[in-house]
C-alpha atoms as a PDB file:
ATOM      1  CA  MET A   1     105.054  66.323 101.577  1.00  0.00           C
ATOM      2  CA  SER A   2     105.824  67.450  98.014  1.00  0.00           C
ATOM      3  CA  SER A   3     106.361  71.071  96.983  1.00  0.00           C
ATOM      4  CA  THR A   4     103.068  70.913  95.056  1.00  0.00           C
ATOM      5  CA  ASP A   5     101.237  69.777  98.197  1.00  0.00           C
ATOM      6  CA  ASN A   6     102.811  72.663 100.109  1.00  0.00           C
ATOM      7  CA  LEU A   7     101.602  75.108  97.466  1.00  0.00           C
ATOM      8  CA  ASP A   8      98.090  73.660  97.596  1.00  0.00           C
ATOM      9  CA  LYS A   9      97.966  74.126 101.359  1.00  0.00           C
ATOM     10  CA  LEU A  10      99.403  77.638 101.163  1.00  0.00           C
ATOM     11  CA  TYR A  11      96.972  78.811  98.471  1.00  0.00           C
ATOM     12  CA  GLN A  12      93.977  77.265 100.228  1.00  0.00           C
ATOM     13  CA  GLN A  13      94.830  79.428 103.237  1.00  0.00           C
ATOM     14  CA  ARG A  14      95.523  82.545 101.156  1.00  0.00           C
ATOM     15  CA  PHE A  15      92.607  82.209  98.713  1.00  0.00           C
ATOM     16  CA  PRO A  16      89.637  80.465 100.343  1.00  0.00           C
ATOM     17  CA  ASP A  17      86.920  79.226  98.008  1.00  0.00           C
ATOM     18  CA  SER A  18      84.629  81.973  99.285  1.00  0.00           C
ATOM     19  CA  ASP A  19      86.930  84.578  97.673  1.00  0.00           C
ATOM     20  CA  LEU A  20      87.214  82.950  94.260  1.00  0.00           C
ATOM     21  CA  ALA A  21      83.894  84.177  92.852  1.00  0.00           C
ATOM     22  CA  ALA A  22      84.749  87.788  93.741  1.00  0.00           C
ATOM     23  CA  LYS A  23      88.226  87.457  92.203  1.00  0.00           C
ATOM     24  CA  ASN A  24      86.745  85.986  89.048  1.00  0.00           C
ATOM     25  CA  ALA A  25      84.296  88.892  88.748  1.00  0.00           C
ATOM     26  CA  ILE A  26      87.201  91.345  88.972  1.00  0.00           C
ATOM     27  CA  TRP A  27      89.166  89.436  86.340  1.00  0.00           C
ATOM     28  CA  LYS A  28      86.210  89.373  84.009  1.00  0.00           C
ATOM     29  CA  VAL A  29      86.317  93.175  83.975  1.00  0.00           C
ATOM     30  CA  LEU A  30      90.135  93.309  83.742  1.00  0.00           C
ATOM     31  CA  CYS A  31      90.016  91.087  80.668  1.00  0.00           C
ATOM     32  CA  ALA A  32      87.123  92.833  78.946  1.00  0.00           C
ATOM     33  CA  ASP A  33      88.224  96.416  79.659  1.00  0.00           C
ATOM     34  CA  PHE A  34      92.009  96.169  79.422  1.00  0.00           C
ATOM     35  CA  PHE A  35      93.709  92.930  78.412  1.00  0.00           C
ATOM     36  CA  GLN A  36      91.345  92.109  75.543  1.00  0.00           C
ATOM     37  CA  ARG A  37      92.683  95.071  73.543  1.00  0.00           C
ATOM     38  CA  HIS A  38      96.020  93.200  73.357  1.00  0.00           C
ATOM     39  CA  VAL A  39      94.477  89.839  72.434  1.00  0.00           C
ATOM     40  CA  GLU A  40      92.752  89.065  69.136  1.00  0.00           C
ATOM     41  CA  ARG A  41      89.746  86.767  69.168  1.00  0.00           C
ATOM     42  CA  THR A  42      91.571  84.519  66.668  1.00  0.00           C
ATOM     43  CA  ASP A  43      94.658  84.164  68.890  1.00  0.00           C
ATOM     44  CA  VAL A  44      96.165  81.136  70.587  1.00  0.00           C
ATOM     45  CA  VAL A  45      96.848  82.197  74.180  1.00  0.00           C
ATOM     46  CA  ALA A  46      99.010  80.442  76.784  1.00  0.00           C
ATOM     47  CA  ASP A  47      98.592  81.492  80.420  1.00  0.00           C
ATOM     48  CA  PHE A  48     101.805  80.698  82.346  1.00  0.00           C
ATOM     49  CA  GLY A  49     101.264  79.931  86.025  1.00  0.00           C
ATOM     50  CA  ALA A  50      97.525  79.904  85.352  1.00  0.00           C
ATOM     51  CA  GLY A  51      96.600  79.097  88.958  1.00  0.00           C
ATOM     52  CA  TYR A  52      92.870  79.686  89.396  1.00  0.00           C
ATOM     53  CA  CYS A  53      92.495  80.428  85.655  1.00  0.00           C
ATOM     54  CA  GLU A  54      90.857  83.821  86.161  1.00  0.00           C
ATOM     55  CA  PHE A  55      92.572  85.244  83.080  1.00  0.00           C
ATOM     56  CA  ILE A  56      92.389  82.314  80.676  1.00  0.00           C
ATOM     57  CA  ASN A  57      88.749  81.591  81.532  1.00  0.00           C
ATOM     58  CA  ASN A  58      87.699  85.172  80.834  1.00  0.00           C
ATOM     59  CA  ILE A  59      89.771  86.231  77.843  1.00  0.00           C
ATOM     60  CA  ASP A  60      88.111  85.856  74.436  1.00  0.00           C
ATOM     61  CA  CYS A  61      90.383  83.949  72.025  1.00  0.00           C
ATOM     62  CA  ALA A  62      90.362  80.968  69.676  1.00  0.00           C
ATOM     63  CA  ARG A  63      92.453  78.538  71.722  1.00  0.00           C
ATOM     64  CA  LYS A  64      93.136  78.678  75.458  1.00  0.00           C
ATOM     65  CA  ILE A  65      96.055  76.928  77.160  1.00  0.00           C
ATOM     66  CA  ALA A  66      96.625  76.931  80.923  1.00  0.00           C
ATOM     67  CA  VAL A  67     100.209  76.083  81.877  1.00  0.00           C
ATOM     68  CA  ASP A  68     100.836  75.265  85.525  1.00  0.00           C
ATOM     69  CA  ILE A  69     102.962  72.694  87.310  1.00  0.00           C
ATOM     70  CA  ASN A  70     100.142  72.141  89.810  1.00  0.00           C
ATOM     71  CA  PRO A  71      97.684  69.477  88.559  1.00  0.00           C
ATOM     72  CA  ASP A  72      94.970  71.095  90.682  1.00  0.00           C
ATOM     73  CA  VAL A  73      94.640  73.750  87.964  1.00  0.00           C
ATOM     74  CA  ARG A  74      92.195  71.371  86.231  1.00  0.00           C
ATOM     75  CA  ARG A  75      89.601  72.087  88.909  1.00  0.00           C
ATOM     76  CA  PHE A  76      89.454  75.756  87.947  1.00  0.00           C
ATOM     77  CA  ALA A  77      89.798  75.689  84.162  1.00  0.00           C
ATOM     78  CA  ALA A  78      86.619  76.321  82.194  1.00  0.00           C
ATOM     79  CA  PRO A  79      85.449  73.812  79.569  1.00  0.00           C
ATOM     80  CA  GLY A  80      87.573  74.067  76.455  1.00  0.00           C
ATOM     81  CA  VAL A  81      90.732  75.234  78.243  1.00  0.00           C
ATOM     82  CA  GLU A  82      93.663  72.917  77.509  1.00  0.00           C
ATOM     83  CA  ILE A  83      95.822  72.013  80.516  1.00  0.00           C
ATOM     84  CA  ILE A  84      99.579  71.539  80.398  1.00  0.00           C
ATOM     85  CA  ASN A  85     101.222  70.430  83.646  1.00  0.00           C
ATOM     86  CA  ALA A  86     104.836  71.350  83.006  1.00  0.00           C
ATOM     87  CA  PRO A  87     107.519  73.750  84.195  1.00  0.00           C
ATOM     88  CA  CYS A  88     107.303  77.036  82.327  1.00  0.00           C
ATOM     89  CA  THR A  89     111.001  76.793  81.514  1.00  0.00           C
ATOM     90  CA  ALA A  90     110.473  73.806  79.210  1.00  0.00           C
ATOM     91  CA  ILE A  91     107.064  73.159  77.644  1.00  0.00           C
ATOM     92  CA  SER A  92     107.677  70.313  75.220  1.00  0.00           C
ATOM     93  CA  GLN A  93     103.953  70.044  74.402  1.00  0.00           C
ATOM     94  CA  LEU A  94     104.037  73.391  72.569  1.00  0.00           C
ATOM     95  CA  ASP A  95     105.890  73.724  69.273  1.00  0.00           C
ATOM     96  CA  ALA A  96     108.041  76.701  68.402  1.00  0.00           C
ATOM     97  CA  GLY A  97     105.987  79.513  66.894  1.00  0.00           C
ATOM     98  CA  SER A  98     102.651  77.949  67.845  1.00  0.00           C
ATOM     99  CA  VAL A  99     101.261  80.640  70.198  1.00  0.00           C
ATOM    100  CA  ASP A 100     100.135  84.235  69.602  1.00  0.00           C
ATOM    101  CA  VAL A 101     100.095  85.535  73.181  1.00  0.00           C
ATOM    102  CA  VAL A 102     101.809  84.449  76.394  1.00  0.00           C
ATOM    103  CA  PHE A 103     100.289  85.892  79.560  1.00  0.00           C
ATOM    104  CA  MET A 104     101.682  85.861  83.102  1.00  0.00           C
ATOM    105  CA  SER A 105     100.128  87.341  86.223  1.00  0.00           C
ATOM    106  CA  ASN A 106     101.852  87.417  89.602  1.00  0.00           C
ATOM    107  CA  PHE A 107     104.004  84.477  88.583  1.00  0.00           C
ATOM    108  CA  LEU A 108     107.660  85.361  88.066  1.00  0.00           C
ATOM    109  CA  GLU A 109     108.233  86.360  91.706  1.00  0.00           C
ATOM    110  CA  HIS A 110     107.540  82.734  92.684  1.00  0.00           C
ATOM    111  CA  LEU A 111     110.469  81.394  90.664  1.00  0.00           C
ATOM    112  CA  PRO A 112     113.672  80.556  92.591  1.00  0.00           C
ATOM    113  CA  GLY A 113     115.839  83.212  90.934  1.00  0.00           C
ATOM    114  CA  LYS A 114     116.486  85.404  87.934  1.00  0.00           C
ATOM    115  CA  ALA A 115     118.067  82.554  85.980  1.00  0.00           C
ATOM    116  CA  GLU A 116     114.694  80.774  86.039  1.00  0.00           C
ATOM    117  CA  VAL A 117     112.907  84.030  85.189  1.00  0.00           C
ATOM    118  CA  LEU A 118     115.086  84.428  82.101  1.00  0.00           C
ATOM    119  CA  GLU A 119     114.588  80.771  81.121  1.00  0.00           C
ATOM    120  CA  THR A 120     110.821  81.288  81.359  1.00  0.00           C
ATOM    121  CA  LEU A 121     110.975  84.412  79.206  1.00  0.00           C
ATOM    122  CA  ARG A 122     113.121  82.589  76.637  1.00  0.00           C
ATOM    123  CA  GLU A 123     110.699  79.669  76.563  1.00  0.00           C
ATOM    124  CA  SER A 124     107.907  82.178  75.964  1.00  0.00           C
ATOM    125  CA  HIS A 125     109.924  83.586  73.071  1.00  0.00           C
ATOM    126  CA  ARG A 126     110.386  80.090  71.609  1.00  0.00           C
ATOM    127  CA  ILE A 127     106.707  79.175  71.548  1.00  0.00           C
ATOM    128  CA  LEU A 128     105.520  82.573  70.258  1.00  0.00           C
ATOM    129  CA  ARG A 129     105.083  83.165  66.538  1.00  0.00           C
ATOM    130  CA  ALA A 130     106.889  86.042  64.855  1.00  0.00           C
ATOM    131  CA  GLY A 131     105.106  89.197  65.975  1.00  0.00           C
ATOM    132  CA  GLY A 132     103.587  87.427  68.981  1.00  0.00           C
ATOM    133  CA  ARG A 133     103.152  89.232  72.301  1.00  0.00           C
ATOM    134  CA  ILE A 134     104.033  88.578  75.894  1.00  0.00           C
ATOM    135  CA  ILE A 135     101.914  90.310  78.556  1.00  0.00           C
ATOM    136  CA  ILE A 136     103.216  90.370  82.123  1.00  0.00           C
ATOM    137  CA  LEU A 137     101.355  91.674  85.172  1.00  0.00           C
ATOM    138  CA  GLN A 138     103.813  91.787  88.041  1.00  0.00           C
ATOM    139  CA  PRO A 139     104.176  93.211  91.565  1.00  0.00           C
ATOM    140  CA  ASN A 140     106.593  96.127  91.296  1.00  0.00           C
ATOM    141  CA  ILE A 141     109.012  96.033  94.207  1.00  0.00           C
ATOM    142  CA  ARG A 142     109.899  99.691  93.616  1.00  0.00           C
ATOM    143  CA  PHE A 143     106.551 100.579  95.167  1.00  0.00           C
ATOM    144  CA  LEU A 144     106.120  97.884  97.834  1.00  0.00           C
ATOM    145  CA  PRO A 145     109.560  96.888  99.161  1.00  0.00           C
ATOM    146  CA  GLY A 146     108.190  95.682 102.503  1.00  0.00           C
ATOM    147  CA  GLU A 147     104.844  94.187 101.520  1.00  0.00           C
ATOM    148  CA  TYR A 148     106.466  92.126  98.773  1.00  0.00           C
ATOM    149  CA  TRP A 149     108.048  89.816 101.341  1.00  0.00           C
ATOM    150  CA  ASP A 150     104.859  89.238 103.337  1.00  0.00           C
ATOM    151  CA  PHE A 151     104.197  86.156 101.202  1.00  0.00           C
ATOM    152  CA  PHE A 152     106.187  83.022 102.025  1.00  0.00           C
ATOM    153  CA  ASP A 153     106.500  81.918  98.393  1.00  0.00           C
ATOM    154  CA  HIS A 154     107.948  85.175  97.022  1.00  0.00           C
ATOM    155  CA  HIS A 155     111.565  84.615  96.024  1.00  0.00           C
ATOM    156  CA  THR A 156     112.578  86.923  93.169  1.00  0.00           C
ATOM    157  CA  PRO A 157     112.118  90.709  93.435  1.00  0.00           C
ATOM    158  CA  LEU A 158     111.435  92.489  90.157  1.00  0.00           C
ATOM    159  CA  THR A 159     110.707  96.065  89.146  1.00  0.00           C
ATOM    160  CA  ASP A 160     109.253  97.320  85.901  1.00  0.00           C
ATOM    161  CA  ARG A 161     112.810  98.298  84.926  1.00  0.00           C
ATOM    162  CA  SER A 162     114.428  94.942  85.649  1.00  0.00           C
ATOM    163  CA  LEU A 163     111.542  93.204  83.899  1.00  0.00           C
ATOM    164  CA  VAL A 164     112.105  95.315  80.780  1.00  0.00           C
ATOM    165  CA  GLU A 165     115.785  94.310  80.837  1.00  0.00           C
ATOM    166  CA  GLY A 166     114.740  90.673  81.182  1.00  0.00           C
ATOM    167  CA  VAL A 167     112.382  90.671  78.216  1.00  0.00           C
ATOM    168  CA  LYS A 168     115.040  92.370  76.110  1.00  0.00           C
ATOM    169  CA  LEU A 169     117.584  89.701  77.077  1.00  0.00           C
ATOM    170  CA  ALA A 170     115.040  87.074  76.016  1.00  0.00           C
ATOM    171  CA  GLY A 171     114.772  88.666  72.561  1.00  0.00           C
ATOM    172  CA  PHE A 172     111.620  90.770  72.931  1.00  0.00           C
ATOM    173  CA  THR A 173     110.991  94.422  72.143  1.00  0.00           C
ATOM    174  CA  PRO A 174     108.929  96.223  74.815  1.00  0.00           C
ATOM    175  CA  VAL A 175     105.940  98.035  73.306  1.00  0.00           C
ATOM    176  CA  ARG A 176     104.128  99.237  76.442  1.00  0.00           C
ATOM    177  CA  VAL A 177     105.295  99.611  80.047  1.00  0.00           C
ATOM    178  CA  ILE A 178     102.999 100.795  82.848  1.00  0.00           C
ATOM    179  CA  PRO A 179     105.016 100.979  86.098  1.00  0.00           C
ATOM    180  CA  ARG A 180     101.873 101.565  88.190  1.00  0.00           C
ATOM    181  CA  PHE A 181      98.746  99.741  87.084  1.00  0.00           C
ATOM    182  CA  LEU A 182      96.791  97.700  89.643  1.00  0.00           C
ATOM    183  CA  PRO A 183      96.954  97.732  93.443  1.00  0.00           C
ATOM    184  CA  TYR A 184      99.003  94.943  94.980  1.00  0.00           C
ATOM    185  CA  THR A 185      96.238  92.495  95.891  1.00  0.00           C
ATOM    186  CA  THR A 186      92.469  92.160  95.577  1.00  0.00           C
ATOM    187  CA  ARG A 187      92.349  92.814  99.326  1.00  0.00           C
ATOM    188  CA  SER A 188      93.944  96.231  98.865  1.00  0.00           C
ATOM    189  CA  ARG A 189      92.237  99.487  97.943  1.00  0.00           C
ATOM    190  CA  LEU A 190      91.191  98.280  94.507  1.00  0.00           C
ATOM    191  CA  PRO A 191      87.430  98.830  94.233  1.00  0.00           C
ATOM    192  CA  GLN A 192      85.795  95.462  94.680  1.00  0.00           C
ATOM    193  CA  SER A 193      82.609  95.750  92.632  1.00  0.00           C
ATOM    194  CA  PRO A 194      82.894  95.131  88.864  1.00  0.00           C
ATOM    195  CA  PHE A 195      81.412  98.579  88.220  1.00  0.00           C
ATOM    196  CA  LEU A 196      84.053 100.340  90.337  1.00  0.00           C
ATOM    197  CA  VAL A 197      86.846  98.225  88.843  1.00  0.00           C
ATOM    198  CA  ARG A 198      85.691  99.357  85.395  1.00  0.00           C
ATOM    199  CA  LEU A 199      85.775 103.004  86.523  1.00  0.00           C
ATOM    200  CA  TYR A 200      89.289 102.480  87.921  1.00  0.00           C
ATOM    201  CA  LEU A 201      90.532 101.069  84.615  1.00  0.00           C
ATOM    202  CA  HIS A 202      89.114 104.007  82.685  1.00  0.00           C
ATOM    203  CA  PHE A 203      90.733 106.640  84.922  1.00  0.00           C
ATOM    204  CA  PRO A 204      94.542 106.181  84.568  1.00  0.00           C
ATOM    205  CA  PRO A 205      95.478 109.135  86.846  1.00  0.00           C
ATOM    206  CA  ILE A 206      94.379 107.068  89.850  1.00  0.00           C
ATOM    207  CA  TRP A 207      96.765 104.291  88.818  1.00  0.00           C
ATOM    208  CA  ARG A 208      99.654 106.565  89.841  1.00  0.00           C
ATOM    209  CA  LEU A 209      98.171 106.762  93.339  1.00  0.00           C
ATOM    210  CA  LEU A 210      97.066 103.173  93.963  1.00  0.00           C
ATOM    211  CA  GLY A 211      99.019 101.106  91.457  1.00  0.00           C
ATOM    212  CA  LYS A 212     101.753  98.822  92.814  1.00  0.00           C
ATOM    213  CA  GLN A 213     101.782  96.258  90.031  1.00  0.00           C
ATOM    214  CA  ALA A 214     103.419  96.863  86.669  1.00  0.00           C
ATOM    215  CA  VAL A 215     102.317  95.776  83.224  1.00  0.00           C
ATOM    216  CA  VAL A 216     104.946  95.028  80.581  1.00  0.00           C
ATOM    217  CA  ILE A 217     103.875  94.151  77.051  1.00  0.00           C
ATOM    218  CA  ALA A 218     106.566  93.106  74.575  1.00  0.00           C
ATOM    219  CA  ARG A 219     106.680  91.711  71.047  1.00  0.00           C
ATOM    220  CA  LYS A 220     108.724  89.041  69.321  1.00  0.00           C
ATOM    221  CA  ALA A 221     110.388  90.333  66.175  1.00  0.00           C
ATOM    222  CA  GLY A 222     108.739  89.557  62.856  1.00  0.00           C
ATOM    223  CA  SER A 223     105.582  90.385  60.931  1.00  0.00           C
END
């Protein structure tokens, strides 16, 4: 059985089809009420480790690219989303300076080690135009040292601080760092209805209580 087959089986157990509609509804609000302010509607956006495509399907932009080594990503991408099945450390289909925003959600912890994390960040830097942004949503092991390892496919622990060091090593300048943003999973205490998710996003003091995922937004030098 290939590693891709193993991932398919693992994710089918972790995210049954019955949960996908609820997750998509949450992501629709996350995009509209938070991430969209960092994405222009004229942008080219590449979603690394796109998975179920909740972000790339719901963000409003000119060109949408889902990058994932798993070919099953095609089942979840909305019409008009381009699919690239390639490792995120080397995406030959994308030219240097051809993308405005690279997005990653709950992805880097699945890579084998920090060398691969840095390669992925450097590949993001290569494909981004001058002034382009990278947006990373990431479990913050500072706030969940035990829970982090409850998932079989988690390999690389990262904090908001180590992630900032990583993006700097890759050539980026951090512009916004939120150590506590979202709860760890959609099965945690994050309000599940779109209305309550919207209230959560508009009341940052509660992030410091419930947030266990960090957001790091960084920019590539240039105008």
